[in-house]
N, C-alpha and C. Protein backbone atom coordinates (compact mmCIF):
# COMPACT_ATOMS: atom_id res chain seq x y z
N MET A 1 10.20 10.91 -1.67
CA MET A 1 10.01 9.47 -1.70
C MET A 1 11.08 8.85 -2.58
N LYS A 2 11.93 8.06 -2.00
CA LYS A 2 13.01 7.42 -2.76
C LYS A 2 12.48 6.45 -3.81
N ILE A 3 11.33 5.86 -3.56
CA ILE A 3 10.83 4.82 -4.46
C ILE A 3 9.94 5.39 -5.56
N GLU A 4 9.57 6.64 -5.48
CA GLU A 4 8.65 7.23 -6.45
C GLU A 4 9.13 7.11 -7.89
N PRO A 5 10.39 7.40 -8.20
CA PRO A 5 10.83 7.27 -9.60
C PRO A 5 10.71 5.84 -10.14
N LEU A 6 10.84 4.86 -9.28
CA LEU A 6 10.72 3.47 -9.71
C LEU A 6 9.28 3.08 -10.04
N LEU A 7 8.33 3.75 -9.37
CA LEU A 7 6.92 3.42 -9.57
C LEU A 7 6.22 4.33 -10.59
N ALA A 8 6.79 5.50 -10.84
CA ALA A 8 6.16 6.49 -11.73
C ALA A 8 5.74 5.92 -13.09
N PRO A 9 6.52 5.03 -13.72
CA PRO A 9 6.10 4.51 -15.03
C PRO A 9 4.80 3.71 -15.01
N PHE A 10 4.38 3.24 -13.86
CA PHE A 10 3.20 2.37 -13.78
C PHE A 10 1.93 3.12 -13.41
N VAL A 11 2.05 4.39 -13.09
CA VAL A 11 0.94 5.17 -12.57
C VAL A 11 -0.01 5.67 -13.66
N SER A 12 0.44 5.77 -14.88
CA SER A 12 -0.41 6.31 -15.94
C SER A 12 -1.43 5.28 -16.41
N SER A 13 -2.60 5.80 -16.84
CA SER A 13 -3.67 4.94 -17.32
C SER A 13 -4.56 5.74 -18.26
N ASP A 14 -5.07 5.08 -19.28
CA ASP A 14 -6.03 5.72 -20.19
C ASP A 14 -7.37 5.95 -19.50
N ARG A 15 -7.61 5.26 -18.38
CA ARG A 15 -8.90 5.36 -17.69
C ARG A 15 -9.00 6.59 -16.81
N GLY A 16 -7.89 7.24 -16.48
CA GLY A 16 -7.95 8.43 -15.64
C GLY A 16 -6.67 8.67 -14.88
N LYS A 17 -6.65 9.80 -14.20
CA LYS A 17 -5.47 10.21 -13.44
C LYS A 17 -5.38 9.47 -12.11
N PRO A 18 -4.17 9.34 -11.58
CA PRO A 18 -4.01 8.73 -10.26
C PRO A 18 -4.41 9.70 -9.15
N THR A 19 -4.87 9.16 -8.07
CA THR A 19 -5.13 9.97 -6.87
C THR A 19 -4.44 9.32 -5.69
N VAL A 20 -4.10 10.14 -4.73
CA VAL A 20 -3.41 9.71 -3.53
C VAL A 20 -4.24 10.14 -2.33
N ARG A 21 -4.34 9.27 -1.35
CA ARG A 21 -4.96 9.65 -0.08
C ARG A 21 -4.11 9.09 1.04
N SER A 22 -3.96 9.87 2.09
CA SER A 22 -3.14 9.46 3.22
C SER A 22 -3.94 9.60 4.50
N SER A 23 -3.84 8.60 5.37
CA SER A 23 -4.50 8.63 6.67
C SER A 23 -3.43 8.90 7.72
N GLN A 24 -3.59 10.03 8.40
CA GLN A 24 -2.68 10.42 9.47
C GLN A 24 -3.48 11.13 10.55
N THR A 25 -2.96 11.08 11.75
CA THR A 25 -3.60 11.79 12.86
C THR A 25 -2.59 12.75 13.48
N SER A 26 -3.13 13.71 14.17
CA SER A 26 -2.30 14.68 14.88
C SER A 26 -2.86 14.81 16.29
N GLY A 27 -1.99 15.01 17.25
CA GLY A 27 -2.42 15.14 18.63
C GLY A 27 -2.42 13.80 19.34
N VAL A 28 -2.75 13.86 20.64
CA VAL A 28 -2.72 12.67 21.48
C VAL A 28 -4.02 12.56 22.25
N GLY A 29 -4.47 11.32 22.47
CA GLY A 29 -5.66 11.07 23.28
C GLY A 29 -6.89 11.76 22.73
N LYS A 30 -7.60 12.48 23.60
CA LYS A 30 -8.83 13.17 23.19
C LYS A 30 -8.56 14.29 22.19
N GLU A 31 -7.32 14.73 22.13
CA GLU A 31 -6.93 15.80 21.20
C GLU A 31 -6.58 15.25 19.82
N SER A 32 -6.59 13.93 19.65
CA SER A 32 -6.23 13.31 18.38
C SER A 32 -7.29 13.62 17.33
N ARG A 33 -6.83 13.98 16.13
CA ARG A 33 -7.76 14.26 15.04
C ARG A 33 -7.13 13.84 13.72
N SER A 34 -7.96 13.57 12.74
CA SER A 34 -7.47 13.23 11.41
C SER A 34 -6.93 14.48 10.74
N ILE A 35 -5.88 14.30 9.97
CA ILE A 35 -5.30 15.41 9.21
C ILE A 35 -5.89 15.36 7.81
N ALA A 36 -6.45 16.47 7.36
CA ALA A 36 -7.01 16.56 6.01
C ALA A 36 -5.94 17.09 5.06
N PHE A 37 -5.73 16.38 3.98
CA PHE A 37 -4.72 16.78 3.00
C PHE A 37 -5.34 17.36 1.75
N GLY A 38 -6.64 17.24 1.59
CA GLY A 38 -7.26 17.71 0.37
C GLY A 38 -6.96 16.76 -0.78
N LYS A 39 -7.32 17.18 -1.97
CA LYS A 39 -7.12 16.35 -3.15
C LYS A 39 -5.64 16.27 -3.49
N MET A 40 -5.15 15.04 -3.68
CA MET A 40 -3.74 14.83 -4.02
C MET A 40 -3.63 13.89 -5.21
N GLY A 41 -2.62 14.14 -6.02
CA GLY A 41 -2.31 13.28 -7.15
C GLY A 41 -0.95 12.64 -6.95
N TRP A 42 -0.49 11.94 -7.96
CA TRP A 42 0.84 11.32 -7.91
C TRP A 42 1.82 12.32 -8.51
N ASP A 43 2.27 13.27 -7.69
CA ASP A 43 3.20 14.30 -8.14
C ASP A 43 4.00 14.79 -6.94
N SER A 44 5.09 15.48 -7.22
CA SER A 44 6.00 15.94 -6.15
C SER A 44 5.29 16.82 -5.13
N LYS A 45 4.47 17.74 -5.60
CA LYS A 45 3.76 18.66 -4.70
C LYS A 45 2.87 17.88 -3.71
N SER A 46 2.15 16.90 -4.22
CA SER A 46 1.29 16.10 -3.34
C SER A 46 2.10 15.23 -2.39
N HIS A 47 3.17 14.63 -2.89
CA HIS A 47 4.01 13.77 -2.04
C HIS A 47 4.62 14.58 -0.89
N LEU A 48 4.97 15.83 -1.15
CA LEU A 48 5.52 16.67 -0.08
C LEU A 48 4.48 16.96 1.00
N ARG A 49 3.21 16.93 0.65
CA ARG A 49 2.16 17.21 1.64
C ARG A 49 1.97 16.07 2.63
N TRP A 50 2.07 14.83 2.18
CA TRP A 50 1.77 13.73 3.09
C TRP A 50 3.00 13.08 3.71
N THR A 51 4.19 13.26 3.13
CA THR A 51 5.37 12.59 3.69
C THR A 51 5.91 13.33 4.90
N HIS A 52 6.40 12.60 5.85
CA HIS A 52 6.99 13.18 7.06
C HIS A 52 8.41 13.63 6.76
N GLY A 53 8.79 14.73 7.36
CA GLY A 53 10.13 15.23 7.17
C GLY A 53 10.27 16.16 5.98
N SER A 54 9.20 16.35 5.22
CA SER A 54 9.27 17.26 4.08
C SER A 54 9.01 18.69 4.57
N PRO A 55 9.49 19.70 3.86
CA PRO A 55 9.29 21.09 4.30
C PRO A 55 7.83 21.47 4.49
N SER A 56 6.95 20.93 3.65
CA SER A 56 5.54 21.29 3.79
C SER A 56 4.83 20.40 4.81
N GLY A 57 5.54 19.43 5.39
CA GLY A 57 4.94 18.57 6.40
C GLY A 57 5.23 19.07 7.80
N ALA A 58 5.34 20.37 7.96
CA ALA A 58 5.73 20.95 9.23
C ALA A 58 4.59 21.02 10.25
N LEU A 59 3.39 20.62 9.86
CA LEU A 59 2.25 20.65 10.77
C LEU A 59 2.48 19.69 11.92
N GLU A 60 2.78 20.22 13.09
CA GLU A 60 2.97 19.42 14.30
C GLU A 60 3.77 18.14 14.01
N PRO A 61 4.96 18.24 13.47
CA PRO A 61 5.68 17.05 13.03
C PRO A 61 5.91 16.01 14.12
N SER A 62 6.10 16.43 15.35
CA SER A 62 6.38 15.46 16.40
C SER A 62 5.12 14.72 16.84
N LEU A 63 3.95 15.27 16.53
CA LEU A 63 2.72 14.64 16.97
C LEU A 63 1.97 13.94 15.84
N ARG A 64 2.49 14.04 14.62
CA ARG A 64 1.81 13.38 13.50
C ARG A 64 2.03 11.88 13.57
N ARG A 65 0.99 11.13 13.31
CA ARG A 65 1.07 9.67 13.31
C ARG A 65 0.61 9.16 11.95
N PHE A 66 1.52 8.53 11.23
CA PHE A 66 1.22 7.99 9.92
C PHE A 66 0.49 6.66 10.07
N LEU A 67 -0.65 6.52 9.40
CA LEU A 67 -1.39 5.27 9.42
C LEU A 67 -1.27 4.54 8.09
N GLY A 68 -1.36 5.30 7.00
CA GLY A 68 -1.26 4.67 5.70
C GLY A 68 -1.41 5.66 4.57
N MET A 69 -1.09 5.20 3.37
CA MET A 69 -1.22 6.00 2.15
C MET A 69 -1.59 5.06 1.02
N GLU A 70 -2.54 5.49 0.19
CA GLU A 70 -2.96 4.71 -0.96
C GLU A 70 -2.87 5.57 -2.21
N ALA A 71 -2.54 4.94 -3.33
CA ALA A 71 -2.63 5.58 -4.64
C ALA A 71 -3.41 4.64 -5.55
N TRP A 72 -4.35 5.22 -6.27
CA TRP A 72 -5.20 4.46 -7.20
C TRP A 72 -5.10 5.10 -8.58
N THR A 73 -4.97 4.28 -9.61
CA THR A 73 -5.05 4.77 -10.99
C THR A 73 -5.99 3.85 -11.76
N PRO A 74 -7.13 4.34 -12.22
CA PRO A 74 -7.65 5.67 -11.96
C PRO A 74 -8.09 5.79 -10.50
N SER A 75 -8.66 6.91 -10.16
CA SER A 75 -9.03 7.17 -8.77
C SER A 75 -10.01 6.13 -8.23
N TRP A 76 -10.07 6.04 -6.92
CA TRP A 76 -10.97 5.11 -6.24
C TRP A 76 -12.41 5.36 -6.69
N THR A 77 -12.80 6.62 -6.81
CA THR A 77 -14.18 6.93 -7.21
C THR A 77 -14.48 6.45 -8.62
N VAL A 78 -13.54 6.55 -9.53
CA VAL A 78 -13.73 6.04 -10.90
C VAL A 78 -13.86 4.52 -10.86
N CYS A 79 -13.02 3.86 -10.09
CA CYS A 79 -13.09 2.39 -9.98
C CYS A 79 -14.45 1.94 -9.45
N VAL A 80 -14.95 2.63 -8.45
CA VAL A 80 -16.26 2.29 -7.88
C VAL A 80 -17.35 2.52 -8.92
N LYS A 81 -17.30 3.66 -9.59
CA LYS A 81 -18.30 4.01 -10.61
C LYS A 81 -18.30 2.98 -11.75
N GLU A 82 -17.11 2.53 -12.16
CA GLU A 82 -16.98 1.57 -13.26
C GLU A 82 -17.11 0.11 -12.81
N HIS A 83 -17.19 -0.11 -11.49
CA HIS A 83 -17.23 -1.47 -10.93
C HIS A 83 -16.04 -2.28 -11.45
N ASP A 84 -14.87 -1.66 -11.40
CA ASP A 84 -13.68 -2.31 -11.93
C ASP A 84 -12.48 -2.01 -11.03
N ALA A 85 -11.53 -2.92 -11.01
CA ALA A 85 -10.31 -2.74 -10.23
C ALA A 85 -9.44 -1.66 -10.88
N PRO A 86 -8.54 -1.07 -10.11
CA PRO A 86 -7.64 -0.06 -10.70
C PRO A 86 -6.60 -0.72 -11.61
N ASP A 87 -6.02 0.09 -12.48
CA ASP A 87 -4.93 -0.40 -13.32
C ASP A 87 -3.64 -0.48 -12.51
N PHE A 88 -3.53 0.40 -11.51
CA PHE A 88 -2.37 0.41 -10.62
C PHE A 88 -2.85 0.76 -9.22
N TYR A 89 -2.31 0.07 -8.25
CA TYR A 89 -2.68 0.30 -6.85
C TYR A 89 -1.42 0.22 -6.00
N PHE A 90 -1.31 1.14 -5.05
CA PHE A 90 -0.16 1.22 -4.16
C PHE A 90 -0.68 1.50 -2.76
N HIS A 91 -0.26 0.72 -1.79
CA HIS A 91 -0.71 0.93 -0.40
C HIS A 91 0.50 0.77 0.53
N LEU A 92 0.83 1.83 1.20
CA LEU A 92 1.91 1.84 2.18
C LEU A 92 1.28 2.07 3.54
N LEU A 93 1.56 1.20 4.50
CA LEU A 93 0.99 1.39 5.82
C LEU A 93 1.95 0.94 6.91
N ARG A 94 1.68 1.45 8.08
CA ARG A 94 2.49 1.08 9.24
C ARG A 94 2.41 -0.42 9.46
N ALA A 95 3.43 -0.95 10.06
CA ALA A 95 3.41 -2.37 10.41
C ALA A 95 2.24 -2.64 11.36
N PRO A 96 1.67 -3.83 11.26
CA PRO A 96 0.61 -4.18 12.20
C PRO A 96 1.09 -4.03 13.64
N HIS A 97 0.14 -3.89 14.54
CA HIS A 97 0.42 -3.69 15.96
C HIS A 97 1.43 -4.71 16.48
N VAL A 98 2.39 -4.22 17.19
CA VAL A 98 3.43 -5.06 17.78
C VAL A 98 3.11 -5.23 19.27
N GLN A 99 3.13 -6.47 19.73
CA GLN A 99 2.88 -6.74 21.14
C GLN A 99 3.96 -6.08 21.99
N HIS A 100 3.59 -5.61 23.16
CA HIS A 100 4.53 -4.94 24.06
C HIS A 100 5.72 -5.84 24.36
N GLY A 101 6.91 -5.29 24.23
CA GLY A 101 8.12 -6.02 24.56
C GLY A 101 8.70 -6.84 23.42
N ILE A 102 8.02 -6.88 22.27
CA ILE A 102 8.52 -7.64 21.13
C ILE A 102 9.14 -6.67 20.14
N GLU A 103 10.35 -6.98 19.70
CA GLU A 103 11.02 -6.15 18.70
C GLU A 103 10.35 -6.37 17.35
N PRO A 104 9.88 -5.30 16.67
CA PRO A 104 9.24 -5.50 15.36
C PRO A 104 10.22 -6.06 14.34
N LEU A 105 9.74 -6.96 13.49
CA LEU A 105 10.57 -7.56 12.47
C LEU A 105 10.61 -6.74 11.19
N PHE A 106 9.65 -5.85 11.04
CA PHE A 106 9.59 -4.96 9.89
C PHE A 106 8.81 -3.71 10.28
N GLY A 107 9.07 -2.61 9.58
CA GLY A 107 8.49 -1.33 9.97
C GLY A 107 7.26 -0.92 9.20
N SER A 108 7.02 -1.50 8.04
CA SER A 108 5.85 -1.13 7.26
C SER A 108 5.50 -2.25 6.29
N VAL A 109 4.33 -2.10 5.69
CA VAL A 109 3.86 -3.05 4.70
C VAL A 109 3.60 -2.26 3.41
N LEU A 110 4.03 -2.80 2.30
CA LEU A 110 3.82 -2.17 1.01
C LEU A 110 3.13 -3.18 0.10
N VAL A 111 1.93 -2.82 -0.37
CA VAL A 111 1.17 -3.66 -1.29
C VAL A 111 1.10 -2.91 -2.61
N VAL A 112 1.52 -3.55 -3.69
CA VAL A 112 1.47 -2.93 -5.02
C VAL A 112 0.79 -3.91 -5.96
N ALA A 113 -0.15 -3.39 -6.75
CA ALA A 113 -0.87 -4.25 -7.69
C ALA A 113 -0.95 -3.58 -9.05
N LEU A 114 -0.91 -4.40 -10.07
CA LEU A 114 -1.03 -3.96 -11.45
C LEU A 114 -2.13 -4.81 -12.07
N THR A 115 -2.95 -4.22 -12.91
CA THR A 115 -4.04 -4.97 -13.52
C THR A 115 -3.53 -6.23 -14.21
N ALA A 116 -4.29 -7.31 -14.08
CA ALA A 116 -3.89 -8.58 -14.69
C ALA A 116 -3.85 -8.48 -16.21
N GLY A 117 -4.57 -7.52 -16.76
CA GLY A 117 -4.60 -7.34 -18.21
C GLY A 117 -3.39 -6.58 -18.75
N ALA A 118 -2.47 -6.19 -17.88
CA ALA A 118 -1.28 -5.47 -18.33
C ALA A 118 -0.41 -6.39 -19.19
N PRO A 119 0.25 -5.83 -20.19
CA PRO A 119 1.14 -6.65 -21.02
C PRO A 119 2.23 -7.31 -20.17
N VAL A 120 2.70 -8.45 -20.62
CA VAL A 120 3.73 -9.20 -19.89
C VAL A 120 4.96 -8.33 -19.63
N ALA A 121 5.38 -7.55 -20.61
CA ALA A 121 6.57 -6.70 -20.44
C ALA A 121 6.36 -5.70 -19.30
N ARG A 122 5.15 -5.14 -19.19
CA ARG A 122 4.85 -4.18 -18.11
C ARG A 122 4.89 -4.88 -16.75
N ARG A 123 4.34 -6.08 -16.69
CA ARG A 123 4.36 -6.84 -15.43
C ARG A 123 5.80 -7.19 -15.05
N ASP A 124 6.61 -7.56 -16.03
CA ASP A 124 8.01 -7.85 -15.77
C ASP A 124 8.76 -6.61 -15.28
N ASP A 125 8.44 -5.47 -15.89
CA ASP A 125 9.07 -4.21 -15.47
C ASP A 125 8.69 -3.88 -14.02
N LEU A 126 7.43 -4.13 -13.66
CA LEU A 126 7.02 -3.86 -12.27
C LEU A 126 7.73 -4.82 -11.32
N ARG A 127 7.86 -6.06 -11.71
CA ARG A 127 8.58 -7.04 -10.87
C ARG A 127 10.01 -6.56 -10.62
N SER A 128 10.68 -6.06 -11.66
CA SER A 128 12.05 -5.54 -11.52
C SER A 128 12.07 -4.32 -10.61
N ALA A 129 11.09 -3.43 -10.79
CA ALA A 129 11.02 -2.23 -9.94
C ALA A 129 10.80 -2.61 -8.49
N MET A 130 9.93 -3.59 -8.25
CA MET A 130 9.65 -4.00 -6.87
C MET A 130 10.85 -4.69 -6.24
N THR A 131 11.63 -5.42 -7.02
CA THR A 131 12.86 -6.02 -6.51
C THR A 131 13.82 -4.92 -6.08
N ALA A 132 13.95 -3.88 -6.90
CA ALA A 132 14.82 -2.75 -6.56
C ALA A 132 14.31 -2.03 -5.31
N ILE A 133 12.99 -1.88 -5.20
CA ILE A 133 12.39 -1.21 -4.03
C ILE A 133 12.64 -2.04 -2.77
N ALA A 134 12.48 -3.35 -2.86
CA ALA A 134 12.73 -4.22 -1.69
C ALA A 134 14.17 -4.08 -1.22
N THR A 135 15.09 -3.99 -2.15
CA THR A 135 16.50 -3.79 -1.80
C THR A 135 16.72 -2.42 -1.18
N LEU A 136 16.16 -1.39 -1.81
CA LEU A 136 16.31 -0.02 -1.33
C LEU A 136 15.76 0.14 0.09
N LEU A 137 14.62 -0.50 0.35
CA LEU A 137 13.97 -0.38 1.67
C LEU A 137 14.47 -1.43 2.66
N GLN A 138 15.40 -2.25 2.25
CA GLN A 138 15.95 -3.32 3.10
C GLN A 138 14.83 -4.21 3.66
N SER A 139 13.95 -4.61 2.79
CA SER A 139 12.81 -5.43 3.17
C SER A 139 13.27 -6.81 3.63
N PRO A 140 12.77 -7.29 4.77
CA PRO A 140 13.16 -8.63 5.22
C PRO A 140 12.55 -9.73 4.36
N LEU A 141 11.48 -9.42 3.62
CA LEU A 141 10.85 -10.41 2.76
C LEU A 141 10.00 -9.69 1.72
N ALA A 142 10.15 -10.07 0.46
CA ALA A 142 9.35 -9.51 -0.63
C ALA A 142 8.68 -10.68 -1.34
N VAL A 143 7.36 -10.59 -1.48
CA VAL A 143 6.60 -11.69 -2.07
C VAL A 143 5.71 -11.16 -3.19
N CYS A 144 5.24 -12.09 -4.01
CA CYS A 144 4.34 -11.71 -5.09
C CYS A 144 3.39 -12.86 -5.39
N LYS A 145 2.33 -12.53 -6.12
CA LYS A 145 1.41 -13.55 -6.60
C LYS A 145 0.48 -12.91 -7.61
N ARG A 146 -0.14 -13.73 -8.41
CA ARG A 146 -1.17 -13.29 -9.34
C ARG A 146 -2.49 -13.71 -8.71
N ARG A 147 -3.37 -12.75 -8.51
CA ARG A 147 -4.65 -13.06 -7.88
C ARG A 147 -5.70 -12.08 -8.35
N ALA A 148 -6.95 -12.44 -8.15
CA ALA A 148 -8.05 -11.54 -8.48
C ALA A 148 -8.03 -10.35 -7.53
N TRP A 149 -8.61 -9.24 -7.96
CA TRP A 149 -8.69 -8.06 -7.09
C TRP A 149 -9.43 -8.42 -5.82
N GLY A 150 -10.50 -9.17 -5.95
CA GLY A 150 -11.26 -9.66 -4.80
C GLY A 150 -11.81 -11.03 -5.12
N ILE A 151 -12.28 -11.72 -4.10
CA ILE A 151 -12.84 -13.06 -4.26
C ILE A 151 -14.35 -12.91 -4.27
N ALA A 152 -14.99 -13.43 -5.32
CA ALA A 152 -16.45 -13.30 -5.47
C ALA A 152 -17.15 -13.79 -4.21
N SER A 153 -18.19 -13.04 -3.83
CA SER A 153 -18.92 -13.36 -2.61
C SER A 153 -20.40 -13.06 -2.81
N GLY A 154 -21.23 -14.07 -2.64
CA GLY A 154 -22.67 -13.87 -2.74
C GLY A 154 -23.14 -13.75 -4.18
N SER A 155 -24.43 -13.56 -4.34
CA SER A 155 -25.03 -13.52 -5.67
C SER A 155 -25.24 -12.09 -6.18
N THR A 156 -24.84 -11.10 -5.40
CA THR A 156 -25.07 -9.70 -5.79
C THR A 156 -23.87 -9.08 -6.49
N GLY A 157 -22.85 -9.88 -6.77
CA GLY A 157 -21.68 -9.34 -7.47
C GLY A 157 -20.65 -8.75 -6.54
N GLY A 158 -20.81 -8.94 -5.24
CA GLY A 158 -19.84 -8.42 -4.29
C GLY A 158 -18.60 -9.29 -4.22
N PHE A 159 -17.62 -8.83 -3.44
CA PHE A 159 -16.41 -9.62 -3.27
C PHE A 159 -15.85 -9.37 -1.88
N ARG A 160 -14.93 -10.25 -1.49
CA ARG A 160 -14.27 -10.14 -0.19
C ARG A 160 -12.77 -10.27 -0.40
N ASP A 161 -12.01 -10.02 0.65
CA ASP A 161 -10.56 -10.16 0.60
C ASP A 161 -9.94 -9.41 -0.59
N ALA A 162 -10.38 -8.18 -0.76
CA ALA A 162 -9.88 -7.36 -1.87
C ALA A 162 -8.42 -6.97 -1.63
N VAL A 163 -7.72 -6.69 -2.71
CA VAL A 163 -6.32 -6.29 -2.61
C VAL A 163 -6.17 -5.08 -1.68
N GLN A 164 -7.09 -4.11 -1.75
CA GLN A 164 -6.95 -2.93 -0.91
C GLN A 164 -7.14 -3.24 0.57
N ASP A 165 -7.64 -4.41 0.90
CA ASP A 165 -7.83 -4.80 2.30
C ASP A 165 -6.69 -5.67 2.83
N LEU A 166 -5.74 -6.04 1.99
CA LEU A 166 -4.66 -6.94 2.42
C LEU A 166 -3.84 -6.36 3.57
N GLY A 167 -3.65 -5.08 3.59
CA GLY A 167 -2.83 -4.49 4.64
C GLY A 167 -3.57 -4.14 5.90
N VAL A 168 -4.87 -4.39 5.94
CA VAL A 168 -5.70 -4.00 7.08
C VAL A 168 -6.03 -5.23 7.92
N GLY A 169 -5.96 -5.07 9.24
CA GLY A 169 -6.28 -6.18 10.13
C GLY A 169 -5.35 -7.35 9.86
N ARG A 170 -5.88 -8.55 9.87
CA ARG A 170 -5.04 -9.71 9.56
C ARG A 170 -4.70 -9.72 8.09
N GLY A 171 -5.65 -9.50 7.22
CA GLY A 171 -5.41 -9.39 5.79
C GLY A 171 -4.31 -10.29 5.25
N LEU A 172 -3.10 -9.79 5.22
CA LEU A 172 -1.96 -10.54 4.69
C LEU A 172 -1.50 -11.67 5.59
N PHE A 173 -1.72 -11.53 6.88
CA PHE A 173 -1.05 -12.40 7.84
C PHE A 173 -1.97 -13.42 8.50
N ARG A 174 -1.42 -14.59 8.81
CA ARG A 174 -2.18 -15.64 9.51
C ARG A 174 -2.43 -15.26 10.96
N GLU A 175 -1.40 -14.75 11.59
CA GLU A 175 -1.49 -14.43 13.00
C GLU A 175 -1.79 -12.95 13.20
N GLU A 176 -2.42 -12.65 14.31
CA GLU A 176 -2.72 -11.26 14.63
C GLU A 176 -1.44 -10.44 14.78
N ASP A 177 -0.38 -11.06 15.31
CA ASP A 177 0.89 -10.36 15.46
C ASP A 177 1.94 -11.05 14.59
N PRO A 178 2.18 -10.53 13.37
CA PRO A 178 3.16 -11.16 12.50
C PRO A 178 4.60 -10.98 12.97
N HIS A 179 4.80 -10.24 14.05
CA HIS A 179 6.14 -10.03 14.59
C HIS A 179 6.50 -11.09 15.64
N ALA A 180 5.56 -11.94 15.99
CA ALA A 180 5.78 -12.92 17.05
C ALA A 180 6.75 -14.03 16.63
N LYS A 181 6.82 -14.32 15.34
CA LYS A 181 7.70 -15.38 14.84
C LYS A 181 8.51 -14.80 13.68
N PRO A 182 9.66 -15.40 13.36
CA PRO A 182 10.43 -14.92 12.20
C PRO A 182 9.56 -14.90 10.94
N ILE A 183 9.66 -13.82 10.16
CA ILE A 183 8.83 -13.68 8.97
C ILE A 183 9.30 -14.63 7.88
N SER A 184 8.32 -15.33 7.27
CA SER A 184 8.60 -16.29 6.21
C SER A 184 7.35 -16.42 5.36
N LEU A 185 7.39 -17.27 4.35
CA LEU A 185 6.21 -17.47 3.52
C LEU A 185 5.04 -18.02 4.33
N GLU A 186 5.33 -18.72 5.41
CA GLU A 186 4.27 -19.28 6.26
C GLU A 186 3.58 -18.20 7.10
N THR A 187 4.13 -17.01 7.12
CA THR A 187 3.54 -15.90 7.88
C THR A 187 2.24 -15.43 7.24
N PHE A 188 2.09 -15.65 5.94
CA PHE A 188 0.97 -15.08 5.18
C PHE A 188 -0.27 -15.97 5.18
N SER A 189 -1.44 -15.32 5.07
CA SER A 189 -2.70 -16.05 5.09
C SER A 189 -2.99 -16.71 3.74
N GLU A 190 -2.41 -16.20 2.66
CA GLU A 190 -2.56 -16.80 1.35
C GLU A 190 -1.20 -17.34 0.92
N GLN A 191 -1.19 -18.18 -0.11
CA GLN A 191 0.08 -18.70 -0.61
C GLN A 191 0.72 -17.66 -1.52
N TRP A 192 1.95 -17.28 -1.20
CA TRP A 192 2.71 -16.30 -1.96
C TRP A 192 4.02 -16.93 -2.39
N SER A 193 4.70 -16.30 -3.34
CA SER A 193 6.02 -16.74 -3.80
C SER A 193 7.01 -15.64 -3.52
N LEU A 194 8.27 -16.03 -3.33
CA LEU A 194 9.31 -15.02 -3.16
C LEU A 194 9.43 -14.21 -4.44
N LEU A 195 9.60 -12.92 -4.29
CA LEU A 195 9.77 -12.03 -5.44
C LEU A 195 11.13 -12.25 -6.05
N GLN A 196 11.16 -12.56 -7.31
CA GLN A 196 12.41 -12.77 -8.05
C GLN A 196 12.38 -11.85 -9.27
N ALA A 197 13.47 -11.17 -9.53
CA ALA A 197 13.52 -10.25 -10.67
C ALA A 197 13.51 -11.01 -11.98
């Protein structure tokens, strides 16, 4: 992962170790099945297991379909147990479905979040890292905003529109097919700002 060294400084937390989970399938049609990766952390050995093109990713490489990858610090289970957002969150997923015959405007979506309680210097460092990542990945648009992990919903303490759901379904985008029009700030369902270092 070319971007891993840029993100590594943000993965540590006093609350617990980071965990990684990746959703991928193997096979076609009725033969399609989820690929189990087992327990993974934020380390080279784990990254080699889920990334395509790595020596340990030789399991049916031509038939593997990447859906997404998430990293949570601390782990998702700790966050659920503590009823608290992670200190660091990373979500890489395939671009939303592209309508037949339309050239995709971007190949993937990357959502990165840092706890709002992080010191200003740490937030600034992440902003610089994300600017470098956007350049490295030749991103057509990089945006940022400060927002709650989720929006309070109901009287039971639940929430909706959580950060981990931004990359799923419409989530980030106003339209079902964000490739139908040139990508811009108006493409998003929430108000975002251009990422500036």
